[in-house]
C-alpha atoms as a PDB file:
ATOM      1  CA  MET A   1      74.195  54.488  50.759  1.00  0.00           C
ATOM      2  CA  LYS A   2      75.173  57.554  48.751  1.00  0.00           C
ATOM      3  CA  LEU A   3      77.531  58.273  45.907  1.00  0.00           C
ATOM      4  CA  ASN A   4      80.621  59.738  47.498  1.00  0.00           C
ATOM      5  CA  HIS A   5      83.505  59.393  45.017  1.00  0.00           C
ATOM      6  CA  ILE A   6      83.867  60.296  41.345  1.00  0.00           C
ATOM      7  CA  ASN A   7      87.066  60.040  39.316  1.00  0.00           C
ATOM      8  CA  LEU A   8      87.074  61.811  35.934  1.00  0.00           C
ATOM      9  CA  TYR A   9      89.682  61.656  33.213  1.00  0.00           C
ATOM     10  CA  SER A  10      90.878  65.195  32.458  1.00  0.00           C
ATOM     11  CA  HIS A  11      93.080  66.686  29.742  1.00  0.00           C
ATOM     12  CA  ASP A  12      93.874  69.595  32.082  1.00  0.00           C
ATOM     13  CA  THR A  13      93.634  68.780  35.784  1.00  0.00           C
ATOM     14  CA  GLU A  14      94.744  72.223  36.990  1.00  0.00           C
ATOM     15  CA  ALA A  15      92.204  74.148  34.897  1.00  0.00           C
ATOM     16  CA  ASP A  16      89.455  71.776  36.040  1.00  0.00           C
ATOM     17  CA  ARG A  17      90.499  72.062  39.691  1.00  0.00           C
ATOM     18  CA  VAL A  18      90.290  75.852  39.504  1.00  0.00           C
ATOM     19  CA  MET A  19      86.893  75.702  37.730  1.00  0.00           C
ATOM     20  CA  PHE A  20      85.397  73.369  40.361  1.00  0.00           C
ATOM     21  CA  GLU A  21      86.605  75.655  43.161  1.00  0.00           C
ATOM     22  CA  GLN A  22      85.533  78.907  41.502  1.00  0.00           C
ATOM     23  CA  TYR A  23      82.095  77.941  40.223  1.00  0.00           C
ATOM     24  CA  PHE A  24      80.969  74.932  42.266  1.00  0.00           C
ATOM     25  CA  GLY A  25      82.498  75.529  45.715  1.00  0.00           C
ATOM     26  CA  LEU A  26      84.708  72.425  45.963  1.00  0.00           C
ATOM     27  CA  ARG A  27      87.836  72.501  48.152  1.00  0.00           C
ATOM     28  CA  THR A  28      91.145  71.109  46.952  1.00  0.00           C
ATOM     29  CA  LEU A  29      92.535  68.437  49.260  1.00  0.00           C
ATOM     30  CA  VAL A  30      95.514  67.153  47.246  1.00  0.00           C
ATOM     31  CA  VAL A  31      97.313  68.147  44.052  1.00  0.00           C
ATOM     32  CA  ARG A  32      99.778  65.703  42.521  1.00  0.00           C
ATOM     33  CA  GLY A  33     101.550  67.771  39.891  1.00  0.00           C
ATOM     34  CA  ILE A  34      99.651  67.932  36.615  1.00  0.00           C
ATOM     35  CA  LYS A  35      98.374  64.369  36.935  1.00  0.00           C
ATOM     36  CA  MET A  36      95.760  64.549  39.691  1.00  0.00           C
ATOM     37  CA  ALA A  37      93.672  66.871  41.833  1.00  0.00           C
ATOM     38  CA  ILE A  38      91.480  65.593  44.666  1.00  0.00           C
ATOM     39  CA  MET A  39      88.641  67.839  45.828  1.00  0.00           C
ATOM     40  CA  GLU A  40      85.724  67.628  48.235  1.00  0.00           C
ATOM     41  CA  ASP A  41      82.360  69.329  48.554  1.00  0.00           C
ATOM     42  CA  ASN A  42      80.466  70.274  51.725  1.00  0.00           C
ATOM     43  CA  ASP A  43      78.521  66.986  51.703  1.00  0.00           C
ATOM     44  CA  GLY A  44      81.619  64.773  51.643  1.00  0.00           C
ATOM     45  CA  LEU A  45      81.668  63.962  47.923  1.00  0.00           C
ATOM     46  CA  VAL A  46      85.244  63.417  46.765  1.00  0.00           C
ATOM     47  CA  LEU A  47      85.866  64.417  43.156  1.00  0.00           C
ATOM     48  CA  ILE A  48      89.118  63.466  41.482  1.00  0.00           C
ATOM     49  CA  VAL A  49      90.289  64.779  38.132  1.00  0.00           C
ATOM     50  CA  ASN A  50      93.043  62.587  36.828  1.00  0.00           C
ATOM     51  CA  HIS A  51      95.242  62.572  33.737  1.00  0.00           C
ATOM     52  CA  PHE A  52      96.491  59.014  33.825  1.00  0.00           C
ATOM     53  CA  ASP A  53      97.449  58.279  30.199  1.00  0.00           C
ATOM     54  CA  ASN A  54     100.835  56.877  31.118  1.00  0.00           C
ATOM     55  CA  LYS A  55      99.834  55.522  34.527  1.00  0.00           C
ATOM     56  CA  LEU A  56      97.687  52.575  33.460  1.00  0.00           C
ATOM     57  CA  GLU A  57      99.349  50.320  30.910  1.00  0.00           C
ATOM     58  CA  GLY A  58      96.973  49.245  28.203  1.00  0.00           C
ATOM     59  CA  PHE A  59      94.098  51.395  29.465  1.00  0.00           C
ATOM     60  CA  ASP A  60      91.747  52.056  26.573  1.00  0.00           C
ATOM     61  CA  TYR A  61      89.470  54.968  27.332  1.00  0.00           C
ATOM     62  CA  PRO A  62      86.371  55.063  25.095  1.00  0.00           C
ATOM     63  CA  GLY A  63      86.798  57.186  22.005  1.00  0.00           C
ATOM     64  CA  GLN A  64      83.364  58.737  22.481  1.00  0.00           C
ATOM     65  CA  PHE A  65      83.934  59.818  26.064  1.00  0.00           C
ATOM     66  CA  ASP A  66      82.632  63.306  25.332  1.00  0.00           C
ATOM     67  CA  ILE A  67      79.087  62.064  25.997  1.00  0.00           C
ATOM     68  CA  LEU A  68      80.061  61.526  29.631  1.00  0.00           C
ATOM     69  CA  HIS A  69      79.057  64.330  31.928  1.00  0.00           C
ATOM     70  CA  ILE A  70      78.502  65.252  35.532  1.00  0.00           C
ATOM     71  CA  GLY A  71      75.727  67.498  36.763  1.00  0.00           C
ATOM     72  CA  PHE A  72      75.170  70.138  39.388  1.00  0.00           C
ATOM     73  CA  ILE A  73      71.512  70.473  40.369  1.00  0.00           C
ATOM     74  CA  GLN A  74      70.550  74.008  41.338  1.00  0.00           C
ATOM     75  CA  LYS A  75      67.621  75.072  43.531  1.00  0.00           C
ATOM     76  CA  SER A  76      65.987  77.317  40.950  1.00  0.00           C
ATOM     77  CA  ARG A  77      65.921  78.494  37.372  1.00  0.00           C
ATOM     78  CA  GLU A  78      67.367  81.794  38.613  1.00  0.00           C
ATOM     79  CA  ASP A  79      70.356  79.945  40.111  1.00  0.00           C
ATOM     80  CA  VAL A  80      70.969  78.188  36.781  1.00  0.00           C
ATOM     81  CA  ASN A  81      70.783  81.530  34.961  1.00  0.00           C
ATOM     82  CA  ALA A  82      73.151  83.188  37.447  1.00  0.00           C
ATOM     83  CA  LEU A  83      75.799  80.491  37.009  1.00  0.00           C
ATOM     84  CA  TYR A  84      75.376  80.702  33.237  1.00  0.00           C
ATOM     85  CA  GLU A  85      75.983  84.461  33.410  1.00  0.00           C
ATOM     86  CA  ARG A  86      79.111  84.036  35.577  1.00  0.00           C
ATOM     87  CA  LEU A  87      80.616  81.404  33.288  1.00  0.00           C
ATOM     88  CA  SER A  88      79.770  83.419  30.143  1.00  0.00           C
ATOM     89  CA  ALA A  89      81.238  86.608  31.598  1.00  0.00           C
ATOM     90  CA  ASP A  90      84.452  84.746  32.389  1.00  0.00           C
ATOM     91  CA  GLY A  91      84.811  83.579  28.799  1.00  0.00           C
ATOM     92  CA  TRP A  92      83.512  80.017  29.018  1.00  0.00           C
ATOM     93  CA  GLU A  93      81.724  78.737  25.925  1.00  0.00           C
ATOM     94  CA  VAL A  94      78.372  77.699  27.359  1.00  0.00           C
ATOM     95  CA  GLN A  95      75.078  76.816  25.733  1.00  0.00           C
ATOM     96  CA  ALA A  96      72.213  79.109  26.622  1.00  0.00           C
ATOM     97  CA  PRO A  97      69.943  77.629  29.317  1.00  0.00           C
ATOM     98  CA  ARG A  98      66.880  75.842  27.960  1.00  0.00           C
ATOM     99  CA  ASN A  99      64.138  73.442  28.953  1.00  0.00           C
ATOM    100  CA  VAL A 100      65.475  69.864  28.786  1.00  0.00           C
ATOM    101  CA  HIS A 101      63.180  67.020  29.913  1.00  0.00           C
ATOM    102  CA  GLY A 102      61.254  69.413  32.135  1.00  0.00           C
ATOM    103  CA  ALA A 103      64.354  70.909  33.784  1.00  0.00           C
ATOM    104  CA  TRP A 104      66.066  74.249  33.111  1.00  0.00           C
ATOM    105  CA  SER A 105      69.607  73.336  31.984  1.00  0.00           C
ATOM    106  CA  PHE A 106      72.778  74.210  30.153  1.00  0.00           C
ATOM    107  CA  TYR A 107      75.976  72.340  29.338  1.00  0.00           C
ATOM    108  CA  PHE A 108      79.578  73.336  28.823  1.00  0.00           C
ATOM    109  CA  ARG A 109      82.823  71.505  28.198  1.00  0.00           C
ATOM    110  CA  ALA A 110      85.398  71.517  30.981  1.00  0.00           C
ATOM    111  CA  LYS A 111      89.036  72.059  30.042  1.00  0.00           C
ATOM    112  CA  GLY A 112      89.489  68.351  30.823  1.00  0.00           C
ATOM    113  CA  GLY A 113      87.309  67.403  27.857  1.00  0.00           C
ATOM    114  CA  TYR A 114      84.125  66.124  29.522  1.00  0.00           C
ATOM    115  CA  PHE A 115      80.833  67.985  29.835  1.00  0.00           C
ATOM    116  CA  ILE A 116      79.218  69.610  32.855  1.00  0.00           C
ATOM    117  CA  GLU A 117      75.470  70.034  33.164  1.00  0.00           C
ATOM    118  CA  VAL A 118      73.968  72.774  35.325  1.00  0.00           C
ATOM    119  CA  THR A 119      70.273  72.130  35.855  1.00  0.00           C
ATOM    120  CA  THR A 120      67.226  72.294  38.037  1.00  0.00           C
ATOM    121  CA  LEU A 121      65.835  69.002  39.298  1.00  0.00           C
ATOM    122  CA  THR A 122      64.180  66.998  36.526  1.00  0.00           C
ATOM    123  CA  PRO A 123      60.601  66.188  37.498  1.00  0.00           C
ATOM    124  CA  VAL A 124      59.552  62.538  37.318  1.00  0.00           C
ATOM    125  CA  ARG A 125      56.212  62.183  35.595  1.00  0.00           C
ATOM    126  CA  PRO A 126      53.918  59.515  37.096  1.00  0.00           C
ATOM    127  CA  GLU A 127      53.986  57.452  33.898  1.00  0.00           C
ATOM    128  CA  GLU A 128      57.805  57.388  34.017  1.00  0.00           C
ATOM    129  CA  ALA A 129      58.162  56.380  37.653  1.00  0.00           C
ATOM    130  CA  TYR A 130      59.871  53.040  38.182  1.00  0.00           C
ATOM    131  CA  ARG A 131      57.595  50.409  39.603  1.00  0.00           C
ATOM    132  CA  ARG A 132      59.086  47.252  40.985  1.00  0.00           C
ATOM    133  CA  ALA A 133      57.607  44.117  39.494  1.00  0.00           C
ATOM    134  CA  PRO A 134      55.411  42.177  41.947  1.00  0.00           C
ATOM    135  CA  CYS A 135      57.252  39.344  43.660  1.00  0.00           C
END
């Protein structure tokens, strides 16, 4: 089983759709006005950005949703740096890459309001590895 569908609340679905195409290589499959964009990556992940304030009656989205984020794992520190440079050059407000939990990472806020992490793979130290309790 693999994760194959993510739906994110977005304040600006069109700006986010363009960002995901331009910087992360997703393809747009469907656009429903300013309320929804459905995209796909080369591995079959479907990403939806959705502005559904008036679509779901009584929906109460958490007030602290800015801690939510999605991540794009890069192959190398150089790849992280290159994406940082592209985003910075295009006027995005991005944190400088730094070592976070053993990975080389930076974060930035999408126009939709949530955060995006660009990172290398975080190494799992032996003492942190999950060990199933004996049956």
